[in-house]
Amino acid sequence: MATIILCPIIAFFAVIVTCRKLRLNKHKAIGLAADVTTFLLFFSIPVALRGLWDIGALMPMLIVVLVIAIIITYADWQTKKEIEVKPLLKKIWRVYFLLFSITYFFIWIIGIAHSVMIFMMID
């Protein structure tokens, strides 16, 4: 469980370092790292929530992901009238990265605070 929870952080930095070694520019390296990390965060967040509070979050996450995709697609269709699939999917995926990263960060902070509080109560 700890491996799955830590995997997104490790993967993000590993992809950036690998891309920089391959001499990709900084923006492409960060973009690729964000893409890989988004996929891993999708699995890591439910595992972390299950581990901390025994909450099943996969189905609510799927619903949120679907709603976000619908909203972004509708907004894109309203502004452009013709949907370009590849840029749209990239935009949706990057929104997922931001949302999942923020959620992941808050879960980490709350988890650390929870562990410290438990530790302080034991002594």
C-alpha atoms as a PDB file:
ATOM      1  CA  MET A   1       0.000   0.000   0.000  1.00  0.00           C
ATOM      2  CA  ALA A   2       2.813   2.425   0.867  1.00  0.00           C
ATOM      3  CA  THR A   3       4.439   1.770  -2.508  1.00  0.00           C
ATOM      4  CA  ILE A   4       1.283   2.703  -4.394  1.00  0.00           C
ATOM      5  CA  ILE A   5       0.883   5.844  -2.309  1.00  0.00           C
ATOM      6  CA  LEU A   6       4.509   6.957  -2.850  1.00  0.00           C
ATOM      7  CA  CYS A   7       4.668   5.925  -6.500  1.00  0.00           C
ATOM      8  CA  PRO A   8       3.317   9.192  -8.011  1.00  0.00           C
ATOM      9  CA  ILE A   9       5.972  11.345  -6.342  1.00  0.00           C
ATOM     10  CA  ILE A  10       8.779   9.000  -7.325  1.00  0.00           C
ATOM     11  CA  ALA A  11       7.473   8.641 -10.876  1.00  0.00           C
ATOM     12  CA  PHE A  12       7.117  12.410 -11.347  1.00  0.00           C
ATOM     13  CA  PHE A  13      10.738  13.075 -10.487  1.00  0.00           C
ATOM     14  CA  ALA A  14      12.024   9.955 -12.267  1.00  0.00           C
ATOM     15  CA  VAL A  15      10.320  10.973 -15.523  1.00  0.00           C
ATOM     16  CA  ILE A  16      11.649  14.536 -15.276  1.00  0.00           C
ATOM     17  CA  VAL A  17      15.201  13.330 -14.627  1.00  0.00           C
ATOM     18  CA  THR A  18      15.007  10.761 -17.429  1.00  0.00           C
ATOM     19  CA  CYS A  19      13.632  13.304 -19.902  1.00  0.00           C
ATOM     20  CA  ARG A  20      16.307  15.828 -18.973  1.00  0.00           C
ATOM     21  CA  LYS A  21      18.985  13.133 -19.493  1.00  0.00           C
ATOM     22  CA  LEU A  22      17.463  12.505 -22.930  1.00  0.00           C
ATOM     23  CA  ARG A  23      17.744  16.257 -23.555  1.00  0.00           C
ATOM     24  CA  LEU A  24      14.036  16.961 -23.877  1.00  0.00           C
ATOM     25  CA  ASN A  25      13.172  20.550 -23.113  1.00  0.00           C
ATOM     26  CA  LYS A  26      11.915  21.424 -19.658  1.00  0.00           C
ATOM     27  CA  HIS A  27       8.269  21.972 -20.661  1.00  0.00           C
ATOM     28  CA  LYS A  28       7.973  18.621 -22.454  1.00  0.00           C
ATOM     29  CA  ALA A  29       9.630  16.854 -19.524  1.00  0.00           C
ATOM     30  CA  ILE A  30       7.215  18.367 -17.031  1.00  0.00           C
ATOM     31  CA  GLY A  31       4.253  17.640 -19.321  1.00  0.00           C
ATOM     32  CA  LEU A  32       5.231  13.999 -19.720  1.00  0.00           C
ATOM     33  CA  ALA A  33       5.856  13.681 -15.976  1.00  0.00           C
ATOM     34  CA  ALA A  34       2.421  15.187 -15.302  1.00  0.00           C
ATOM     35  CA  ASP A  35       0.794  12.725 -17.713  1.00  0.00           C
ATOM     36  CA  VAL A  36       2.420   9.692 -16.090  1.00  0.00           C
ATOM     37  CA  THR A  37       1.732  10.996 -12.593  1.00  0.00           C
ATOM     38  CA  THR A  38      -1.953  11.634 -13.353  1.00  0.00           C
ATOM     39  CA  PHE A  39      -2.427   7.977 -14.216  1.00  0.00           C
ATOM     40  CA  LEU A  40      -0.699   6.887 -10.999  1.00  0.00           C
ATOM     41  CA  LEU A  41      -2.597   9.404  -8.868  1.00  0.00           C
ATOM     42  CA  PHE A  42      -5.860   7.940 -10.114  1.00  0.00           C
ATOM     43  CA  PHE A  43      -5.000   4.717  -8.285  1.00  0.00           C
ATOM     44  CA  SER A  44      -3.009   6.187  -5.409  1.00  0.00           C
ATOM     45  CA  ILE A  45      -5.700   8.497  -4.033  1.00  0.00           C
ATOM     46  CA  PRO A  46      -8.312   5.758  -3.415  1.00  0.00           C
ATOM     47  CA  VAL A  47      -5.644   3.552  -1.815  1.00  0.00           C
ATOM     48  CA  ALA A  48      -4.566   6.383   0.494  1.00  0.00           C
ATOM     49  CA  LEU A  49      -8.163   7.151   1.472  1.00  0.00           C
ATOM     50  CA  ARG A  50      -8.854   3.482   2.115  1.00  0.00           C
ATOM     51  CA  GLY A  51      -5.717   3.238   4.247  1.00  0.00           C
ATOM     52  CA  LEU A  52      -6.400   6.348   6.312  1.00  0.00           C
ATOM     53  CA  TRP A  53     -10.138   6.270   6.858  1.00  0.00           C
ATOM     54  CA  ASP A  54     -11.384   3.074   5.206  1.00  0.00           C
ATOM     55  CA  ILE A  55     -13.263   5.140   2.626  1.00  0.00           C
ATOM     56  CA  GLY A  56     -13.967   3.748  -0.829  1.00  0.00           C
ATOM     57  CA  ALA A  57     -13.302   6.615  -3.223  1.00  0.00           C
ATOM     58  CA  LEU A  58     -12.980   4.966  -6.623  1.00  0.00           C
ATOM     59  CA  MET A  59     -16.613   5.360  -7.682  1.00  0.00           C
ATOM     60  CA  PRO A  60     -16.891   9.013  -6.550  1.00  0.00           C
ATOM     61  CA  MET A  61     -13.614   9.712  -8.370  1.00  0.00           C
ATOM     62  CA  LEU A  62     -14.967   8.152 -11.552  1.00  0.00           C
ATOM     63  CA  ILE A  63     -18.081  10.314 -11.318  1.00  0.00           C
ATOM     64  CA  VAL A  64     -16.019  13.483 -10.757  1.00  0.00           C
ATOM     65  CA  VAL A  65     -13.729  12.564 -13.666  1.00  0.00           C
ATOM     66  CA  LEU A  66     -16.715  12.055 -15.944  1.00  0.00           C
ATOM     67  CA  VAL A  67     -18.398  15.312 -14.887  1.00  0.00           C
ATOM     68  CA  ILE A  68     -15.173  17.286 -15.418  1.00  0.00           C
ATOM     69  CA  ALA A  69     -14.728  15.761 -18.872  1.00  0.00           C
ATOM     70  CA  ILE A  70     -18.308  16.658 -19.806  1.00  0.00           C
ATOM     71  CA  ILE A  71     -17.952  20.252 -18.548  1.00  0.00           C
ATOM     72  CA  ILE A  72     -14.647  20.850 -20.340  1.00  0.00           C
ATOM     73  CA  THR A  73     -15.921  19.256 -23.546  1.00  0.00           C
ATOM     74  CA  TYR A  74     -19.085  21.361 -23.460  1.00  0.00           C
ATOM     75  CA  ALA A  75     -17.121  24.565 -22.775  1.00  0.00           C
ATOM     76  CA  ASP A  76     -14.699  23.734 -25.599  1.00  0.00           C
ATOM     77  CA  TRP A  77     -17.576  23.013 -27.967  1.00  0.00           C
ATOM     78  CA  GLN A  78     -19.276  26.317 -27.054  1.00  0.00           C
ATOM     79  CA  THR A  79     -16.145  28.364 -27.742  1.00  0.00           C
ATOM     80  CA  LYS A  80     -14.840  26.558 -30.829  1.00  0.00           C
ATOM     81  CA  LYS A  81     -17.955  24.908 -32.339  1.00  0.00           C
ATOM     82  CA  GLU A  82     -15.718  22.137 -33.649  1.00  0.00           C
ATOM     83  CA  ILE A  83     -14.011  19.854 -31.196  1.00  0.00           C
ATOM     84  CA  GLU A  84     -10.387  18.878 -31.758  1.00  0.00           C
ATOM     85  CA  VAL A  85     -10.026  15.634 -29.846  1.00  0.00           C
ATOM     86  CA  LYS A  86      -6.288  15.532 -29.094  1.00  0.00           C
ATOM     87  CA  PRO A  87      -6.005  19.057 -27.589  1.00  0.00           C
ATOM     88  CA  LEU A  88      -9.272  18.499 -25.709  1.00  0.00           C
ATOM     89  CA  LEU A  89      -8.042  15.254 -24.151  1.00  0.00           C
ATOM     90  CA  LYS A  90      -4.762  16.914 -23.227  1.00  0.00           C
ATOM     91  CA  LYS A  91      -6.637  19.776 -21.551  1.00  0.00           C
ATOM     92  CA  ILE A  92      -8.878  17.368 -19.627  1.00  0.00           C
ATOM     93  CA  TRP A  93      -5.891  15.250 -18.561  1.00  0.00           C
ATOM     94  CA  ARG A  94      -4.038  18.334 -17.263  1.00  0.00           C
ATOM     95  CA  VAL A  95      -7.085  19.419 -15.257  1.00  0.00           C
ATOM     96  CA  TYR A  96      -7.134  15.932 -13.746  1.00  0.00           C
ATOM     97  CA  PHE A  97      -3.444  16.350 -12.887  1.00  0.00           C
ATOM     98  CA  LEU A  98      -4.113  19.600 -11.051  1.00  0.00           C
ATOM     99  CA  LEU A  99      -7.163  18.244  -9.221  1.00  0.00           C
ATOM    100  CA  PHE A 100      -5.527  14.949  -8.276  1.00  0.00           C
ATOM    101  CA  SER A 101      -2.267  16.622  -7.216  1.00  0.00           C
ATOM    102  CA  ILE A 102      -4.075  19.024  -4.904  1.00  0.00           C
ATOM    103  CA  THR A 103      -6.153  16.178  -3.472  1.00  0.00           C
ATOM    104  CA  TYR A 104      -3.040  14.027  -3.052  1.00  0.00           C
ATOM    105  CA  PHE A 105      -1.226  16.884  -1.276  1.00  0.00           C
ATOM    106  CA  PHE A 106      -4.090  17.399   1.185  1.00  0.00           C
ATOM    107  CA  ILE A 107      -4.342  13.664   1.865  1.00  0.00           C
ATOM    108  CA  TRP A 108      -0.600  13.627   2.628  1.00  0.00           C
ATOM    109  CA  ILE A 109      -0.845  16.609   4.977  1.00  0.00           C
ATOM    110  CA  ILE A 110      -3.865  15.182   6.793  1.00  0.00           C
ATOM    111  CA  GLY A 111      -2.266  11.731   6.959  1.00  0.00           C
ATOM    112  CA  ILE A 112       0.944  13.111   8.436  1.00  0.00           C
ATOM    113  CA  ALA A 113      -0.989  15.206  10.967  1.00  0.00           C
ATOM    114  CA  HIS A 114      -3.076  12.153  11.855  1.00  0.00           C
ATOM    115  CA  SER A 115       0.048  10.028  12.374  1.00  0.00           C
ATOM    116  CA  VAL A 116       1.673  12.700  14.540  1.00  0.00           C
ATOM    117  CA  MET A 117      -1.463  13.001  16.669  1.00  0.00           C
ATOM    118  CA  ILE A 118      -1.590   9.228  17.167  1.00  0.00           C
ATOM    119  CA  PHE A 119       2.093   9.203  18.059  1.00  0.00           C
ATOM    120  CA  MET A 120       1.648  12.016  20.570  1.00  0.00           C
ATOM    121  CA  MET A 121      -1.272  10.214  22.246  1.00  0.00           C
ATOM    122  CA  ILE A 122       0.752   7.024  22.711  1.00  0.00           C
ATOM    123  CA  ASP A 123       3.453   8.743  24.768  1.00  0.00           C
END
